[in-house]
Amino acid sequence: MLRVIDVDYIKDYELLLTFSDGEKRVADLRPYLTGEIFSKLLDKELFVQYGLTPVTIEWVGGIDLAPEFLYEIGVPEA
């Protein structure tokens, strides 16, 4: 099972994610912050308040994204 094991804020809505397979990917979440739930994260003060769970990252209110989705949208770290 793929998991996010580390996360670092880069800038704006970009995160550097390390996955359980050792891969590091940069995910720009801006295009995905839409709809009633995810649009709350457009507030950068809220966006940077994430935490690491045993499986993925999570924001206040239980907002999270599947690690497989984050892997798919991420680009390998340069």
Protein backbone atom coordinates (compact mmCIF):
# COMPACT_ATOMS: atom_id res chain seq x y z
CA MET A 1 0.00 0.00 0.00
CA LEU A 2 1.37 3.38 -1.04
CA ARG A 3 1.71 5.92 1.78
CA VAL A 4 2.96 9.47 2.18
CA ILE A 5 5.79 9.28 4.72
CA ASP A 6 7.05 12.87 4.64
CA VAL A 7 5.83 16.23 3.41
CA ASP A 8 7.46 19.64 3.04
CA TYR A 9 5.86 22.92 2.01
CA ILE A 10 7.61 24.45 -1.02
CA LYS A 11 5.60 27.55 -1.96
CA ASP A 12 2.07 28.65 -2.83
CA TYR A 13 0.15 25.36 -3.06
CA GLU A 14 3.12 23.09 -3.82
CA LEU A 15 4.24 20.28 -1.55
CA LEU A 16 7.23 17.96 -1.73
CA LEU A 17 5.94 14.51 -0.87
CA THR A 18 8.00 11.44 -0.04
CA PHE A 19 6.22 8.15 -0.62
CA SER A 20 6.72 4.75 0.96
CA ASP A 21 8.35 3.45 -2.25
CA GLY A 22 11.12 6.07 -1.81
CA GLU A 23 9.86 8.31 -4.62
CA LYS A 24 9.84 12.08 -4.02
CA ARG A 25 7.30 14.08 -5.99
CA VAL A 26 6.27 17.72 -6.14
CA ALA A 27 2.50 18.16 -6.17
CA ASP A 28 0.89 21.46 -7.12
CA LEU A 29 -2.53 21.22 -5.50
CA ARG A 30 -3.88 24.58 -6.72
CA PRO A 31 -5.91 23.12 -9.64
CA TYR A 32 -7.60 20.67 -7.27
CA LEU A 33 -8.69 23.12 -4.58
CA THR A 34 -12.25 23.43 -5.83
CA GLY A 35 -15.67 22.60 -4.52
CA GLU A 36 -17.19 23.14 -1.12
CA ILE A 37 -14.59 21.20 0.86
CA PHE A 38 -11.27 21.71 -0.91
CA SER A 39 -11.77 25.40 -1.75
CA LYS A 40 -11.31 26.13 1.96
CA LEU A 41 -7.62 25.32 1.43
CA LEU A 42 -7.22 28.31 -0.89
CA ASP A 43 -6.66 30.22 2.34
CA LYS A 44 -2.88 29.83 2.51
CA GLU A 45 -2.87 30.12 6.29
CA LEU A 46 -5.11 27.05 6.39
CA PHE A 47 -3.26 25.27 3.57
CA VAL A 48 0.03 25.24 5.45
CA GLN A 49 -1.61 23.68 8.52
CA TYR A 50 -1.36 20.07 7.37
CA GLY A 51 -0.30 17.03 9.29
CA LEU A 52 0.99 13.61 8.42
CA THR A 53 -1.27 10.64 9.17
CA PRO A 54 -0.18 6.98 8.95
CA VAL A 55 -1.31 7.01 5.28
CA THR A 56 -1.41 10.52 3.82
CA ILE A 57 -1.54 14.22 4.69
CA GLU A 58 -4.55 15.81 6.35
CA TRP A 59 -5.79 19.32 7.00
CA VAL A 60 -8.10 20.72 9.67
CA GLY A 61 -11.57 19.23 9.49
CA GLY A 62 -10.36 15.88 8.18
CA ILE A 63 -9.67 17.15 4.65
CA ASP A 64 -7.29 14.73 2.95
CA LEU A 65 -6.26 13.34 -0.42
CA ALA A 66 -5.49 9.72 -1.26
CA PRO A 67 -1.78 8.98 -1.53
CA GLU A 68 -2.34 7.37 -4.95
CA PHE A 69 -3.89 10.61 -6.22
CA LEU A 70 -1.01 12.68 -4.85
CA TYR A 71 1.48 10.31 -6.49
CA GLU A 72 -0.34 10.53 -9.82
CA ILE A 73 -0.48 14.34 -9.94
CA GLY A 74 3.03 14.80 -8.58
CA VAL A 75 6.07 15.21 -10.77
CA PRO A 76 9.37 13.59 -9.82
CA GLU A 77 11.64 15.88 -7.82
CA ALA A 78 14.25 17.47 -10.07
